[in-house]
Protein backbone atom coordinates (compact mmCIF):
# COMPACT_ATOMS: atom_id res chain seq x y z
CA MET A 1 5.97 21.94 4.37
CA ARG A 2 8.16 18.85 4.41
CA VAL A 3 7.18 16.25 2.43
CA LEU A 4 7.22 12.91 3.04
CA VAL A 5 6.51 10.36 -0.53
CA LEU A 6 6.57 6.67 1.06
CA PHE A 7 6.74 4.47 -2.15
CA ALA A 8 4.68 0.97 -1.96
CA HIS A 9 4.82 -0.97 -4.99
CA PRO A 10 5.20 -4.76 -4.88
CA ALA A 11 5.46 -5.50 -8.78
CA GLN A 12 8.04 -2.89 -9.99
CA ARG A 13 9.52 -5.85 -12.79
CA LYS A 14 7.08 -4.28 -15.01
CA THR A 15 6.73 -0.96 -16.53
CA SER A 16 3.76 1.26 -14.89
CA ILE A 17 2.93 5.09 -14.47
CA ASN A 18 3.78 4.62 -10.71
CA LEU A 19 7.01 3.80 -11.28
CA ALA A 20 7.28 6.70 -13.64
CA MET A 21 6.05 8.87 -11.01
CA ALA A 22 7.84 7.77 -8.48
CA ASP A 23 11.05 8.64 -10.10
CA ALA A 24 9.29 12.30 -10.40
CA ALA A 25 9.00 12.59 -6.81
CA ARG A 26 12.33 11.07 -6.26
CA ARG A 27 14.09 14.06 -7.82
CA MET A 28 12.09 17.06 -6.45
CA ASP A 29 14.05 19.31 -4.25
CA GLY A 30 12.42 19.18 -0.32
CA VAL A 31 10.86 15.72 -1.15
CA THR A 32 12.56 13.09 1.03
CA PHE A 33 11.31 9.98 -1.29
CA VAL A 34 11.66 6.26 0.25
CA ASP A 35 10.93 3.03 -1.17
CA LEU A 36 9.12 1.03 0.83
CA TYR A 37 10.16 -2.43 -0.91
CA ALA A 38 13.56 -1.75 -1.52
CA ASP A 39 14.12 -0.90 1.90
CA TYR A 40 12.69 -3.95 3.61
CA PRO A 41 12.29 -6.46 0.99
CA ARG A 42 12.51 -8.88 3.88
CA PHE A 43 9.43 -6.88 5.47
CA SER A 44 11.94 -6.11 8.23
CA ILE A 45 10.84 -2.50 9.29
CA ASP A 46 12.74 -0.24 11.06
CA ILE A 47 10.45 1.21 13.23
CA ASP A 48 12.08 3.48 14.87
CA ARG A 49 13.81 5.32 11.42
CA GLU A 50 10.53 5.18 10.13
CA GLN A 51 8.84 7.20 13.25
CA GLU A 52 12.33 9.63 12.88
CA ARG A 53 11.08 10.07 9.34
CA LEU A 54 7.63 10.61 10.09
CA LEU A 55 8.24 13.66 12.92
CA ALA A 56 10.73 14.88 10.53
CA HIS A 57 7.88 15.67 8.00
CA ASP A 58 4.54 17.52 7.05
CA LEU A 59 3.17 16.14 5.08
CA ILE A 60 2.65 12.27 5.00
CA VAL A 61 2.42 10.99 0.98
CA PHE A 62 1.13 6.52 0.95
CA GLN A 63 1.90 6.14 -3.52
CA PHE A 64 0.55 2.88 -4.48
CA PRO A 65 -1.09 0.87 -6.88
CA VAL A 66 -4.78 -0.39 -5.57
CA PHE A 67 -4.49 -3.69 -4.59
CA TRP A 68 -7.66 -6.17 -3.66
CA TYR A 69 -8.96 -3.27 -2.81
CA ALA A 70 -5.81 -2.22 -0.36
CA THR A 71 -2.91 -1.53 0.19
CA PRO A 72 0.17 -3.59 -0.88
CA ALA A 73 1.28 -5.95 2.05
CA LEU A 74 4.03 -3.99 2.77
CA LEU A 75 2.30 -0.71 3.78
CA LYS A 76 -0.24 -2.34 5.67
CA GLN A 77 2.63 -3.72 7.76
CA TRP A 78 4.53 -0.50 8.41
CA GLN A 79 1.20 0.48 9.32
CA ASP A 80 0.36 -1.35 11.55
CA LEU A 81 4.37 -1.70 13.22
CA VAL A 82 5.23 2.36 12.77
CA LEU A 83 2.14 3.76 13.58
CA GLU A 84 1.53 2.21 17.49
CA TYR A 85 0.07 2.82 20.70
CA GLY A 86 2.02 5.66 22.42
CA PHE A 87 3.58 6.90 19.06
CA ALA A 88 0.55 7.47 16.74
CA TYR A 89 -2.11 7.56 19.26
CA GLY A 90 -3.43 6.92 22.53
CA PRO A 91 -4.13 9.18 25.59
CA GLY A 92 -1.24 12.57 25.25
CA SER A 93 1.03 10.18 22.45
CA LYS A 94 -0.35 11.22 19.50
CA LYS A 95 2.71 12.27 17.85
CA LEU A 96 1.71 13.19 14.83
CA ALA A 97 -0.95 15.32 15.42
CA GLY A 98 -1.59 18.32 12.58
CA LYS A 99 0.67 16.42 9.99
CA ARG A 100 -0.94 15.57 6.62
CA LEU A 101 -1.57 12.40 4.75
CA LEU A 102 -2.08 12.41 0.95
CA ALA A 103 -2.86 8.72 -0.42
CA SER A 104 -2.03 8.89 -4.37
CA ILE A 105 -3.35 5.67 -6.10
CA THR A 106 -3.86 3.98 -9.40
CA THR A 107 -6.71 1.68 -10.09
CA GLY A 108 -6.43 -0.85 -12.79
CA GLY A 109 -10.66 -0.51 -13.14
CA SER A 110 -12.26 2.36 -14.44
CA GLU A 111 -13.96 5.14 -13.11
CA ARG A 112 -16.85 3.33 -13.96
CA ASP A 113 -15.82 0.06 -12.23
CA TYR A 114 -15.51 1.98 -9.13
CA ALA A 115 -19.13 3.42 -8.84
CA VAL A 116 -22.01 1.72 -7.06
CA GLY A 117 -23.40 -0.68 -10.13
CA GLY A 118 -19.64 -1.18 -11.66
CA GLY A 119 -17.47 -3.72 -11.38
CA ASN A 120 -16.41 -2.81 -7.84
CA ASN A 121 -19.91 -1.71 -6.89
CA HIS A 122 -18.53 1.17 -5.29
CA PRO A 123 -16.51 4.55 -5.60
CA ILE A 124 -12.98 4.63 -4.79
CA GLU A 125 -12.80 6.92 -1.59
CA GLN A 126 -14.99 4.17 0.17
CA PHE A 127 -12.23 1.84 -0.18
CA LEU A 128 -10.04 4.11 1.35
CA LEU A 129 -11.72 5.09 4.46
CA PRO A 130 -9.06 2.90 6.34
CA LEU A 131 -6.70 5.05 5.79
CA ARG A 132 -9.43 8.07 6.77
CA GLN A 133 -9.87 6.96 9.65
CA THR A 134 -5.92 6.00 10.39
CA ALA A 135 -5.27 9.64 10.22
CA PHE A 136 -8.43 10.80 12.23
CA LEU A 137 -7.19 8.39 15.12
CA CYS A 138 -3.67 9.79 14.65
CA GLY A 139 -4.94 13.40 14.93
CA MET A 140 -3.99 14.30 11.26
CA GLU A 141 -5.49 15.84 8.21
CA PHE A 142 -6.58 13.44 5.53
CA LEU A 143 -6.54 14.99 2.19
CA PRO A 144 -8.49 14.01 -0.98
CA PRO A 145 -6.54 11.07 -2.43
CA PHE A 146 -4.77 11.63 -5.70
CA VAL A 147 -6.05 9.58 -8.34
CA LEU A 148 -5.76 8.04 -11.46
CA HIS A 149 -8.09 5.27 -13.09
CA SER A 150 -7.04 2.45 -15.78
CA ALA A 151 -3.68 3.13 -15.02
CA ASN A 152 -2.50 0.44 -17.46
CA HIS A 153 -4.49 1.22 -20.09
CA ILE A 154 -4.21 4.96 -20.87
CA GLU A 155 -2.40 6.82 -23.59
CA THR A 156 1.18 8.35 -23.66
CA ALA A 157 0.02 11.72 -23.48
CA ALA A 158 -2.26 11.18 -20.57
CA SER A 159 -0.12 9.04 -18.61
CA GLN A 160 2.88 11.93 -18.98
CA ALA A 161 -0.16 14.27 -18.17
CA HIS A 162 -1.00 12.95 -14.94
CA ILE A 163 2.81 12.37 -13.81
CA GLU A 164 3.53 16.67 -14.44
CA ALA A 165 0.24 16.76 -12.20
CA TYR A 166 1.96 14.77 -9.46
CA ALA A 167 5.01 16.58 -9.02
CA ASN A 168 3.10 20.06 -9.75
CA LEU A 169 0.73 18.44 -6.73
CA LEU A 170 3.53 17.78 -4.65
CA ALA A 171 5.65 21.03 -5.42
CA ALA A 172 2.54 23.23 -4.38
CA LEU A 173 2.20 21.09 -1.51
CA ARG A 174 5.95 21.91 -0.66
CA ASP A 175 5.29 25.28 -0.71
CA ASP A 176 2.31 26.21 0.69
CA VAL A 177 0.46 27.27 -2.59
CA PHE A 178 -2.01 24.91 -2.86
CA ASP A 179 -6.03 25.32 -1.90
CA LEU A 180 -6.36 22.81 1.15
CA ASP A 181 -9.88 24.67 1.59
CA SER A 182 -11.08 24.00 -1.79
CA ALA A 183 -9.53 20.89 -2.40
CA GLN A 184 -11.53 19.72 0.71
CA GLN A 185 -14.98 19.83 -0.91
CA SER A 186 -14.00 17.25 -3.56
CA SER A 187 -13.35 13.66 -2.84
CA MET A 188 -10.76 13.45 -4.78
CA LEU A 189 -8.30 15.45 -6.80
CA THR A 190 -6.85 14.84 -10.26
CA ARG A 191 -4.77 16.36 -12.33
CA ASP A 192 -7.40 18.76 -13.89
CA ASP A 193 -8.18 19.29 -10.11
CA VAL A 194 -3.82 20.33 -9.52
CA ALA A 195 -4.07 22.91 -12.55
CA ARG A 196 -7.09 24.53 -10.70
CA LEU A 197 -6.50 24.68 -6.83
CA THR A 198 -2.23 25.73 -7.43
CA ARG A 199 -1.42 29.82 -6.66
CA ARG A 200 1.19 31.08 -8.45
């Protein structure tokens, strides 16, 4: 698969695991990496260029930290403008149909926080319903999100393991050696799932 990673992180002044994950994706063969905040610091999105990028790839990856239970503002504007009527949806206009969409996300809260009765009162997949519905409307397949909870509080070894798993996941999807049928039985993917579902 031809893989496009759209990275959206508005707070790149701070060191974060997301930046290390982005660097790993940027260096991969066969992966097109786009830093949306670098490309569009004034939020002036080139719609034609972004649509051409989408058409040229099979797997679209949104990589971002969850801010206030949603995507960062620039990624939301990207969706509003790029996934327009007559291109991404509408009668006879689903030009992205058959492509796949993967959200690679990090959260500040723990997995316990993202549970019924936890601090955020809902599992993380419920906060991603707008992305799932977007994929459905566009005729795309929404893959279970690749999730890291407590991203600001994990130990170095676990952090490195997650970064490596992210690169392995992109490579497995690129090379068509990831068991998508089994993956779809899960609500989300973790680094352990990447190792378990990759066929080598």
